[in-house]
C-alpha atoms as a PDB file:
ATOM      1  CA  UNK A   1      20.251 179.364  -7.738  1.00  0.00           C
ATOM      2  CA  UNK A   2      20.072 175.546  -7.663  1.00  0.00           C
ATOM      3  CA  UNK A   3      23.319 173.783  -8.513  1.00  0.00           C
ATOM      4  CA  UNK A   4      23.862 170.044  -9.055  1.00  0.00           C
ATOM      5  CA  UNK A   5      27.157 168.787  -7.695  1.00  0.00           C
ATOM      6  CA  UNK A   6      28.894 165.715  -9.107  1.00  0.00           C
ATOM      7  CA  UNK A   7      30.580 162.901  -7.196  1.00  0.00           C
ATOM      8  CA  UNK A   8      33.700 164.126  -5.430  1.00  0.00           C
ATOM      9  CA  UNK A   9      36.506 162.213  -3.725  1.00  0.00           C
ATOM     10  CA  UNK A  10      38.242 164.181  -0.987  1.00  0.00           C
ATOM     11  CA  UNK A  11      41.563 163.214   0.602  1.00  0.00           C
ATOM     12  CA  UNK A  12      41.641 164.127   4.291  1.00  0.00           C
ATOM     13  CA  UNK A  13      44.611 166.199   5.434  1.00  0.00           C
ATOM     14  CA  UNK A  14      45.896 166.987   8.919  1.00  0.00           C
ATOM     15  CA  UNK A  15      43.537 169.989   9.003  1.00  0.00           C
ATOM     16  CA  UNK A  16      40.545 167.663   9.493  1.00  0.00           C
ATOM     17  CA  UNK A  17      42.223 164.768  11.274  1.00  0.00           C
ATOM     18  CA  UNK A  18      40.028 163.437  14.092  1.00  0.00           C
ATOM     19  CA  UNK A  19      36.846 165.140  12.885  1.00  0.00           C
ATOM     20  CA  UNK A  20      33.595 163.188  12.739  1.00  0.00           C
ATOM     21  CA  UNK A  21      32.483 162.498   9.198  1.00  0.00           C
ATOM     22  CA  UNK A  22      29.050 164.089   9.764  1.00  0.00           C
ATOM     23  CA  UNK A  23      30.616 167.327  10.983  1.00  0.00           C
ATOM     24  CA  UNK A  24      33.073 167.280   8.091  1.00  0.00           C
ATOM     25  CA  UNK A  25      30.259 166.906   5.560  1.00  0.00           C
ATOM     26  CA  UNK A  26      28.087 169.572   7.192  1.00  0.00           C
ATOM     27  CA  UNK A  27      30.941 172.079   6.851  1.00  0.00           C
ATOM     28  CA  UNK A  28      32.054 170.842   3.411  1.00  0.00           C
ATOM     29  CA  UNK A  29      28.639 170.594   1.748  1.00  0.00           C
ATOM     30  CA  UNK A  30      27.211 174.093   1.791  1.00  0.00           C
ATOM     31  CA  UNK A  31      23.517 175.051   1.901  1.00  0.00           C
ATOM     32  CA  UNK A  32      22.262 171.476   2.331  1.00  0.00           C
ATOM     33  CA  UNK A  33      19.915 170.554   5.223  1.00  0.00           C
ATOM     34  CA  UNK A  34      21.572 168.502   7.956  1.00  0.00           C
ATOM     35  CA  UNK A  35      18.903 165.818   7.673  1.00  0.00           C
ATOM     36  CA  UNK A  36      19.900 165.275   4.032  1.00  0.00           C
ATOM     37  CA  UNK A  37      23.568 164.954   5.007  1.00  0.00           C
ATOM     38  CA  UNK A  38      22.635 162.251   7.530  1.00  0.00           C
ATOM     39  CA  UNK A  39      20.499 160.520   4.910  1.00  0.00           C
ATOM     40  CA  UNK A  40      23.496 160.368   2.552  1.00  0.00           C
ATOM     41  CA  UNK A  41      25.525 158.708   5.308  1.00  0.00           C
ATOM     42  CA  UNK A  42      22.728 156.388   6.458  1.00  0.00           C
ATOM     43  CA  UNK A  43      22.020 155.099   2.942  1.00  0.00           C
ATOM     44  CA  UNK A  44      25.685 154.293   2.335  1.00  0.00           C
ATOM     45  CA  UNK A  45      26.231 156.934  -0.341  1.00  0.00           C
ATOM     46  CA  UNK A  46      29.081 158.427   1.655  1.00  0.00           C
ATOM     47  CA  UNK A  47      32.082 156.108   1.694  1.00  0.00           C
ATOM     48  CA  UNK A  48      35.377 156.229   3.559  1.00  0.00           C
ATOM     49  CA  UNK A  49      38.113 154.278   1.771  1.00  0.00           C
ATOM     50  CA  UNK A  50      35.363 152.432  -0.110  1.00  0.00           C
ATOM     51  CA  UNK A  51      33.430 151.382   2.997  1.00  0.00           C
ATOM     52  CA  UNK A  52      30.186 152.584   4.561  1.00  0.00           C
ATOM     53  CA  UNK A  53      30.481 154.707   7.663  1.00  0.00           C
ATOM     54  CA  UNK A  54      28.535 155.950  10.661  1.00  0.00           C
ATOM     55  CA  UNK A  55      27.996 159.639  11.392  1.00  0.00           C
ATOM     56  CA  UNK A  56      30.357 159.331  14.366  1.00  0.00           C
ATOM     57  CA  UNK A  57      33.203 157.770  12.352  1.00  0.00           C
ATOM     58  CA  UNK A  58      36.370 159.806  12.863  1.00  0.00           C
ATOM     59  CA  UNK A  59      38.555 160.747   9.942  1.00  0.00           C
ATOM     60  CA  UNK A  60      42.261 159.997   9.635  1.00  0.00           C
ATOM     61  CA  UNK A  61      44.943 161.582   7.481  1.00  0.00           C
ATOM     62  CA  UNK A  62      44.831 160.312   3.859  1.00  0.00           C
ATOM     63  CA  UNK A  63      41.341 158.832   4.235  1.00  0.00           C
ATOM     64  CA  UNK A  64      39.471 159.016   0.918  1.00  0.00           C
ATOM     65  CA  UNK A  65      35.934 160.296   1.432  1.00  0.00           C
ATOM     66  CA  UNK A  66      33.429 159.777  -1.372  1.00  0.00           C
ATOM     67  CA  UNK A  67      30.860 162.580  -1.473  1.00  0.00           C
ATOM     68  CA  UNK A  68      27.875 161.525  -3.640  1.00  0.00           C
ATOM     69  CA  UNK A  69      25.984 163.813  -6.052  1.00  0.00           C
ATOM     70  CA  UNK A  70      23.731 166.348  -4.376  1.00  0.00           C
ATOM     71  CA  UNK A  71      21.776 169.478  -5.200  1.00  0.00           C
ATOM     72  CA  UNK A  72      22.481 172.701  -3.378  1.00  0.00           C
ATOM     73  CA  UNK A  73      21.858 176.419  -3.714  1.00  0.00           C
ATOM     74  CA  UNK A  74      24.570 178.955  -4.323  1.00  0.00           C
ATOM     75  CA  UNK A  75      24.340 182.678  -3.775  1.00  0.00           C
ATOM     76  CA  UNK A  76      26.434 185.153  -5.660  1.00  0.00           C
ATOM     77  CA  UNK A  77      29.574 185.643  -3.611  1.00  0.00           C
ATOM     78  CA  UNK A  78      30.237 189.243  -2.604  1.00  0.00           C
ATOM     79  CA  UNK A  79      33.252 190.866  -4.178  1.00  0.00           C
ATOM     80  CA  UNK A  80      35.896 191.662  -1.567  1.00  0.00           C
ATOM     81  CA  UNK A  81      37.952 194.563  -2.852  1.00  0.00           C
ATOM     82  CA  UNK A  82      41.747 194.449  -2.886  1.00  0.00           C
ATOM     83  CA  UNK A  83      41.687 197.546  -0.689  1.00  0.00           C
ATOM     84  CA  UNK A  84      39.690 195.748   2.027  1.00  0.00           C
ATOM     85  CA  UNK A  85      41.944 192.678   1.783  1.00  0.00           C
ATOM     86  CA  UNK A  86      45.064 194.814   2.115  1.00  0.00           C
ATOM     87  CA  UNK A  87      43.601 196.704   5.065  1.00  0.00           C
ATOM     88  CA  UNK A  88      42.631 193.501   6.866  1.00  0.00           C
ATOM     89  CA  UNK A  89      45.904 191.684   6.195  1.00  0.00           C
ATOM     90  CA  UNK A  90      47.840 194.606   7.677  1.00  0.00           C
ATOM     91  CA  UNK A  91      46.121 193.839  11.002  1.00  0.00           C
ATOM     92  CA  UNK A  92      47.774 190.424  11.350  1.00  0.00           C
ATOM     93  CA  UNK A  93      50.266 190.806  14.204  1.00  0.00           C
ATOM     94  CA  UNK A  94      51.491 187.186  14.274  1.00  0.00           C
ATOM     95  CA  UNK A  95      51.220 184.075  12.139  1.00  0.00           C
ATOM     96  CA  UNK A  96      52.768 180.603  12.133  1.00  0.00           C
ATOM     97  CA  UNK A  97      51.762 177.152  10.872  1.00  0.00           C
ATOM     98  CA  UNK A  98      49.157 176.723  13.623  1.00  0.00           C
ATOM     99  CA  UNK A  99      47.339 180.011  14.164  1.00  0.00           C
ATOM    100  CA  UNK A 100      46.952 183.688  13.268  1.00  0.00           C
ATOM    101  CA  UNK A 101      46.689 186.545  15.758  1.00  0.00           C
ATOM    102  CA  UNK A 102      44.662 189.420  14.398  1.00  0.00           C
ATOM    103  CA  UNK A 103      44.075 192.960  15.651  1.00  0.00           C
ATOM    104  CA  UNK A 104      40.396 193.368  14.770  1.00  0.00           C
ATOM    105  CA  UNK A 105      39.202 196.886  14.009  1.00  0.00           C
ATOM    106  CA  UNK A 106      35.890 198.152  15.327  1.00  0.00           C
ATOM    107  CA  UNK A 107      32.815 198.074  13.035  1.00  0.00           C
ATOM    108  CA  UNK A 108      34.033 194.932  11.270  1.00  0.00           C
ATOM    109  CA  UNK A 109      32.044 191.752  11.932  1.00  0.00           C
ATOM    110  CA  UNK A 110      33.845 188.430  12.293  1.00  0.00           C
ATOM    111  CA  UNK A 111      31.040 186.663  10.383  1.00  0.00           C
ATOM    112  CA  UNK A 112      28.892 187.757   7.470  1.00  0.00           C
ATOM    113  CA  UNK A 113      25.419 188.845   8.528  1.00  0.00           C
ATOM    114  CA  UNK A 114      22.152 190.112   7.172  1.00  0.00           C
ATOM    115  CA  UNK A 115      23.641 193.518   6.384  1.00  0.00           C
ATOM    116  CA  UNK A 116      27.094 192.370   5.346  1.00  0.00           C
ATOM    117  CA  UNK A 117      28.036 190.031   2.544  1.00  0.00           C
ATOM    118  CA  UNK A 118      31.275 189.005   4.192  1.00  0.00           C
ATOM    119  CA  UNK A 119      33.050 189.099   7.512  1.00  0.00           C
ATOM    120  CA  UNK A 120      36.608 188.935   8.763  1.00  0.00           C
ATOM    121  CA  UNK A 121      36.745 185.142   8.464  1.00  0.00           C
ATOM    122  CA  UNK A 122      35.726 185.344   4.782  1.00  0.00           C
ATOM    123  CA  UNK A 123      38.477 187.864   4.025  1.00  0.00           C
ATOM    124  CA  UNK A 124      41.128 185.742   5.749  1.00  0.00           C
ATOM    125  CA  UNK A 125      39.974 182.554   4.021  1.00  0.00           C
ATOM    126  CA  UNK A 126      40.069 184.278   0.631  1.00  0.00           C
ATOM    127  CA  UNK A 127      43.776 184.971   1.133  1.00  0.00           C
ATOM    128  CA  UNK A 128      44.669 181.646   2.781  1.00  0.00           C
ATOM    129  CA  UNK A 129      43.290 179.273   0.161  1.00  0.00           C
ATOM    130  CA  UNK A 130      46.343 176.999   0.444  1.00  0.00           C
ATOM    131  CA  UNK A 131      45.139 176.046   3.931  1.00  0.00           C
ATOM    132  CA  UNK A 132      42.360 173.464   3.962  1.00  0.00           C
ATOM    133  CA  UNK A 133      40.596 175.245   6.809  1.00  0.00           C
ATOM    134  CA  UNK A 134      40.814 178.466   8.789  1.00  0.00           C
ATOM    135  CA  UNK A 135      38.540 178.800  11.841  1.00  0.00           C
ATOM    136  CA  UNK A 136      37.760 181.416  14.447  1.00  0.00           C
ATOM    137  CA  UNK A 137      38.932 180.222  17.865  1.00  0.00           C
ATOM    138  CA  UNK A 138      36.671 182.761  19.567  1.00  0.00           C
ATOM    139  CA  UNK A 139      34.722 185.836  18.538  1.00  0.00           C
ATOM    140  CA  UNK A 140      34.486 189.535  19.265  1.00  0.00           C
ATOM    141  CA  UNK A 141      31.386 191.659  18.842  1.00  0.00           C
ATOM    142  CA  UNK A 142      31.325 193.762  15.696  1.00  0.00           C
ATOM    143  CA  UNK A 143      32.118 197.032  17.488  1.00  0.00           C
ATOM    144  CA  UNK A 144      34.700 195.541  19.874  1.00  0.00           C
ATOM    145  CA  UNK A 145      38.304 195.822  18.740  1.00  0.00           C
ATOM    146  CA  UNK A 146      41.485 193.942  19.590  1.00  0.00           C
ATOM    147  CA  UNK A 147      43.068 190.507  19.829  1.00  0.00           C
ATOM    148  CA  UNK A 148      41.400 187.729  17.883  1.00  0.00           C
ATOM    149  CA  UNK A 149      42.805 184.278  17.099  1.00  0.00           C
ATOM    150  CA  UNK A 150      42.163 182.075  14.072  1.00  0.00           C
ATOM    151  CA  UNK A 151      43.431 178.504  13.794  1.00  0.00           C
ATOM    152  CA  UNK A 152      44.708 176.602  10.762  1.00  0.00           C
ATOM    153  CA  UNK A 153      43.772 173.027  11.653  1.00  0.00           C
ATOM    154  CA  UNK A 154      41.091 171.123  13.523  1.00  0.00           C
ATOM    155  CA  UNK A 155      43.716 169.777  15.938  1.00  0.00           C
ATOM    156  CA  UNK A 156      44.898 173.264  16.914  1.00  0.00           C
ATOM    157  CA  UNK A 157      41.309 174.499  17.147  1.00  0.00           C
ATOM    158  CA  UNK A 158      40.305 171.703  19.543  1.00  0.00           C
ATOM    159  CA  UNK A 159      43.481 172.029  21.633  1.00  0.00           C
ATOM    160  CA  UNK A 160      42.973 175.744  22.198  1.00  0.00           C
ATOM    161  CA  UNK A 161      39.223 175.338  22.757  1.00  0.00           C
ATOM    162  CA  UNK A 162      40.004 172.936  25.602  1.00  0.00           C
ATOM    163  CA  UNK A 163      42.394 175.499  27.086  1.00  0.00           C
ATOM    164  CA  UNK A 164      39.622 178.093  26.983  1.00  0.00           C
ATOM    165  CA  UNK A 165      37.150 175.670  28.599  1.00  0.00           C
ATOM    166  CA  UNK A 166      39.674 174.868  31.362  1.00  0.00           C
ATOM    167  CA  UNK A 167      40.446 178.563  31.941  1.00  0.00           C
ATOM    168  CA  UNK A 168      44.025 178.111  30.700  1.00  0.00           C
ATOM    169  CA  UNK A 169      43.656 180.895  28.169  1.00  0.00           C
ATOM    170  CA  UNK A 170      44.075 184.416  29.567  1.00  0.00           C
ATOM    171  CA  UNK A 171      42.229 187.327  27.980  1.00  0.00           C
ATOM    172  CA  UNK A 172      42.476 190.916  29.165  1.00  0.00           C
ATOM    173  CA  UNK A 173      40.284 193.809  28.043  1.00  0.00           C
ATOM    174  CA  UNK A 174      40.166 197.564  28.549  1.00  0.00           C
ATOM    175  CA  UNK A 175      36.841 199.322  28.953  1.00  0.00           C
ATOM    176  CA  UNK A 176      35.528 202.701  30.035  1.00  0.00           C
ATOM    177  CA  UNK A 177      32.490 202.523  32.293  1.00  0.00           C
ATOM    178  CA  UNK A 178      29.988 205.008  33.664  1.00  0.00           C
ATOM    179  CA  UNK A 179      30.646 206.334  37.184  1.00  0.00           C
ATOM    180  CA  UNK A 180      33.495 205.981  39.651  1.00  0.00           C
ATOM    181  CA  UNK A 181      34.108 202.284  40.109  1.00  0.00           C
ATOM    182  CA  UNK A 182      33.742 200.899  43.611  1.00  0.00           C
ATOM    183  CA  UNK A 183      37.268 199.944  44.731  1.00  0.00           C
ATOM    184  CA  UNK A 184      35.825 197.062  46.724  1.00  0.00           C
ATOM    185  CA  UNK A 185      34.657 195.324  43.536  1.00  0.00           C
ATOM    186  CA  UNK A 186      37.660 193.341  42.355  1.00  0.00           C
ATOM    187  CA  UNK A 187      35.890 190.134  41.358  1.00  0.00           C
ATOM    188  CA  UNK A 188      32.352 189.244  40.395  1.00  0.00           C
ATOM    189  CA  UNK A 189      30.586 185.949  39.821  1.00  0.00           C
ATOM    190  CA  UNK A 190      27.135 185.859  38.291  1.00  0.00           C
ATOM    191  CA  UNK A 191      24.960 183.345  36.492  1.00  0.00           C
ATOM    192  CA  UNK A 192      24.225 184.201  32.874  1.00  0.00           C
ATOM    193  CA  UNK A 193      21.650 182.405  30.748  1.00  0.00           C
ATOM    194  CA  UNK A 194      21.571 181.825  27.013  1.00  0.00           C
ATOM    195  CA  UNK A 195      19.419 179.473  24.965  1.00  0.00           C
ATOM    196  CA  UNK A 196      17.662 178.380  28.178  1.00  0.00           C
ATOM    197  CA  UNK A 197      20.975 177.267  29.730  1.00  0.00           C
ATOM    198  CA  UNK A 198      22.721 178.869  32.682  1.00  0.00           C
ATOM    199  CA  UNK A 199      26.460 179.467  32.866  1.00  0.00           C
ATOM    200  CA  UNK A 200      28.724 180.800  35.596  1.00  0.00           C
ATOM    201  CA  UNK A 201      30.575 183.951  34.586  1.00  0.00           C
ATOM    202  CA  UNK A 202      33.699 185.086  36.468  1.00  0.00           C
ATOM    203  CA  UNK A 203      35.351 188.456  35.866  1.00  0.00           C
ATOM    204  CA  UNK A 204      38.172 190.322  37.631  1.00  0.00           C
ATOM    205  CA  UNK A 205      38.358 194.121  37.584  1.00  0.00           C
ATOM    206  CA  UNK A 206      41.307 196.509  38.050  1.00  0.00           C
ATOM    207  CA  UNK A 207      41.009 200.295  38.092  1.00  0.00           C
ATOM    208  CA  UNK A 208      43.447 201.925  35.657  1.00  0.00           C
ATOM    209  CA  UNK A 209      42.284 205.536  35.956  1.00  0.00           C
ATOM    210  CA  UNK A 210      39.402 207.504  37.426  1.00  0.00           C
ATOM    211  CA  UNK A 211      37.870 210.381  35.480  1.00  0.00           C
ATOM    212  CA  UNK A 212      35.138 212.874  36.391  1.00  0.00           C
ATOM    213  CA  UNK A 213      32.187 210.556  35.731  1.00  0.00           C
ATOM    214  CA  UNK A 214      33.828 207.470  34.217  1.00  0.00           C
ATOM    215  CA  UNK A 215      36.454 204.833  35.083  1.00  0.00           C
ATOM    216  CA  UNK A 216      38.972 203.082  32.846  1.00  0.00           C
ATOM    217  CA  UNK A 217      39.153 199.397  33.806  1.00  0.00           C
ATOM    218  CA  UNK A 218      41.357 196.459  32.963  1.00  0.00           C
ATOM    219  CA  UNK A 219      39.238 193.325  32.754  1.00  0.00           C
ATOM    220  CA  UNK A 220      40.598 189.833  33.350  1.00  0.00           C
ATOM    221  CA  UNK A 221      38.127 187.482  31.693  1.00  0.00           C
ATOM    222  CA  UNK A 222      38.207 184.140  33.525  1.00  0.00           C
ATOM    223  CA  UNK A 223      35.263 182.627  31.666  1.00  0.00           C
ATOM    224  CA  UNK A 224      34.199 183.607  28.177  1.00  0.00           C
ATOM    225  CA  UNK A 225      30.418 183.867  28.108  1.00  0.00           C
ATOM    226  CA  UNK A 226      28.301 185.680  25.553  1.00  0.00           C
ATOM    227  CA  UNK A 227      28.463 189.461  26.223  1.00  0.00           C
ATOM    228  CA  UNK A 228      29.994 188.633  29.611  1.00  0.00           C
ATOM    229  CA  UNK A 229      31.853 191.893  30.218  1.00  0.00           C
ATOM    230  CA  UNK A 230      29.007 194.053  28.947  1.00  0.00           C
ATOM    231  CA  UNK A 231      26.422 192.238  31.089  1.00  0.00           C
ATOM    232  CA  UNK A 232      28.671 192.126  34.143  1.00  0.00           C
ATOM    233  CA  UNK A 233      29.360 195.863  34.109  1.00  0.00           C
ATOM    234  CA  UNK A 234      25.698 196.700  33.491  1.00  0.00           C
ATOM    235  CA  UNK A 235      24.551 194.410  36.326  1.00  0.00           C
ATOM    236  CA  UNK A 236      26.974 196.180  38.692  1.00  0.00           C
ATOM    237  CA  UNK A 237      25.489 199.545  37.612  1.00  0.00           C
ATOM    238  CA  UNK A 238      28.660 200.573  35.779  1.00  0.00           C
ATOM    239  CA  UNK A 239      27.637 200.117  32.126  1.00  0.00           C
ATOM    240  CA  UNK A 240      30.268 200.459  29.416  1.00  0.00           C
ATOM    241  CA  UNK A 241      30.321 203.795  27.606  1.00  0.00           C
ATOM    242  CA  UNK A 242      28.948 203.438  24.084  1.00  0.00           C
ATOM    243  CA  UNK A 243      27.178 200.132  24.734  1.00  0.00           C
ATOM    244  CA  UNK A 244      23.904 200.480  22.822  1.00  0.00           C
ATOM    245  CA  UNK A 245      22.380 197.274  24.251  1.00  0.00           C
ATOM    246  CA  UNK A 246      23.235 197.266  27.958  1.00  0.00           C
ATOM    247  CA  UNK A 247      24.465 200.828  28.399  1.00  0.00           C
ATOM    248  CA  UNK A 248      23.103 204.167  29.579  1.00  0.00           C
ATOM    249  CA  UNK A 249      21.516 206.164  26.751  1.00  0.00           C
ATOM    250  CA  UNK A 250      22.133 209.575  28.289  1.00  0.00           C
ATOM    251  CA  UNK A 251      25.854 209.152  28.937  1.00  0.00           C
ATOM    252  CA  UNK A 252      26.279 207.418  25.582  1.00  0.00           C
ATOM    253  CA  UNK A 253      24.738 210.447  23.877  1.00  0.00           C
ATOM    254  CA  UNK A 254      26.942 212.803  25.918  1.00  0.00           C
ATOM    255  CA  UNK A 255      30.157 211.137  24.808  1.00  0.00           C
ATOM    256  CA  UNK A 256      29.013 210.521  21.267  1.00  0.00           C
ATOM    257  CA  UNK A 257      28.730 214.296  20.982  1.00  0.00           C
ATOM    258  CA  UNK A 258      32.341 214.424  22.173  1.00  0.00           C
ATOM    259  CA  UNK A 259      33.537 212.091  19.439  1.00  0.00           C
ATOM    260  CA  UNK A 260      33.152 208.560  20.846  1.00  0.00           C
ATOM    261  CA  UNK A 261      31.253 206.772  18.099  1.00  0.00           C
ATOM    262  CA  UNK A 262      31.688 203.184  19.334  1.00  0.00           C
ATOM    263  CA  UNK A 263      31.636 201.063  22.458  1.00  0.00           C
ATOM    264  CA  UNK A 264      34.730 201.602  24.593  1.00  0.00           C
ATOM    265  CA  UNK A 265      35.651 197.925  24.837  1.00  0.00           C
ATOM    266  CA  UNK A 266      38.964 196.584  23.553  1.00  0.00           C
ATOM    267  CA  UNK A 267      40.566 193.123  23.711  1.00  0.00           C
ATOM    268  CA  UNK A 268      43.999 194.115  24.999  1.00  0.00           C
ATOM    269  CA  UNK A 269      45.925 190.835  25.179  1.00  0.00           C
ATOM    270  CA  UNK A 270      45.839 187.043  25.039  1.00  0.00           C
ATOM    271  CA  UNK A 271      48.178 184.622  26.772  1.00  0.00           C
ATOM    272  CA  UNK A 272      48.322 180.827  26.483  1.00  0.00           C
ATOM    273  CA  UNK A 273      50.698 177.888  26.237  1.00  0.00           C
ATOM    274  CA  UNK A 274      50.895 176.094  22.893  1.00  0.00           C
ATOM    275  CA  UNK A 275      54.288 174.459  22.250  1.00  0.00           C
ATOM    276  CA  UNK A 276      55.662 177.502  24.079  1.00  0.00           C
ATOM    277  CA  UNK A 277      54.366 180.418  26.123  1.00  0.00           C
ATOM    278  CA  UNK A 278      52.551 182.815  23.826  1.00  0.00           C
ATOM    279  CA  UNK A 279      51.675 186.399  24.695  1.00  0.00           C
ATOM    280  CA  UNK A 280      50.197 188.914  22.246  1.00  0.00           C
ATOM    281  CA  UNK A 281      49.045 192.461  22.866  1.00  0.00           C
ATOM    282  CA  UNK A 282      46.980 194.841  20.751  1.00  0.00           C
ATOM    283  CA  UNK A 283      47.309 198.482  21.849  1.00  0.00           C
ATOM    284  CA  UNK A 284      44.268 200.736  21.955  1.00  0.00           C
ATOM    285  CA  UNK A 285      43.217 201.842  18.460  1.00  0.00           C
ATOM    286  CA  UNK A 286      43.736 205.487  17.534  1.00  0.00           C
ATOM    287  CA  UNK A 287      40.098 206.505  18.014  1.00  0.00           C
ATOM    288  CA  UNK A 288      40.062 205.301  21.644  1.00  0.00           C
ATOM    289  CA  UNK A 289      43.564 206.560  22.412  1.00  0.00           C
ATOM    290  CA  UNK A 290      42.745 210.025  21.064  1.00  0.00           C
ATOM    291  CA  UNK A 291      39.478 210.092  23.002  1.00  0.00           C
ATOM    292  CA  UNK A 292      41.287 209.309  26.278  1.00  0.00           C
ATOM    293  CA  UNK A 293      43.801 212.103  25.702  1.00  0.00           C
ATOM    294  CA  UNK A 294      40.965 214.649  25.682  1.00  0.00           C
ATOM    295  CA  UNK A 295      38.860 212.912  28.321  1.00  0.00           C
ATOM    296  CA  UNK A 296      38.623 214.550  31.758  1.00  0.00           C
END
């Protein structure tokens, strides 16, 4: 449905301090092609404190941004039930003025997708409307559970993103893999590619417990690449149990018949320094804990 938007004047708060005006507009003006956003800036229709700006102009607190009239499309927003909201909000394990630490359940996507009208971020934003912005610091796959962090300002988001880039943000995972893990493998470095770019991926492994044909591992994620743990384990011939993309179909089927209906991958803890030392831990969810109790 096409919708015509009128002129709007937006006062910049600390949540968007330091953001480029083009990036601010791209996130603020929904369902509008980027080239049109740049045209609005280039033709002087976007004004900051009454003056023309460049796309790279950085915003300051209390800047007044004039957003000109534009036409956009709006889809019907999915209705998020009070039951879902309550269930999700109960998974918040810590919150302050800067960030939220969330214990994400399995089978819940962080973003809306083709089969889902909303994701975790949409639920959180619907309940935190008094904050100008809430962003995902990092992501977890839909079927991976555990520690997830959301930030409440652009400044906090950028600060923590830099910590992640500089490997000053510790993330530990638990996973159950096929086979008896080779004790000699304590660290692995491989090159992973995505979008035609190559990235170094570094992962440390620690054996927690050996079972008959599987091993429970603690994973220390040094770098945070796309599907890093799943790819790393598969490349070492120890695929994660329940991994439908990189895993072993036969062993997945075996343990699905024994009640494991998801990938056995869980974000156990996060540790970082932000004003003070922060450490948060999310214990294994009931379905994985109960599976381990019966696992031989």
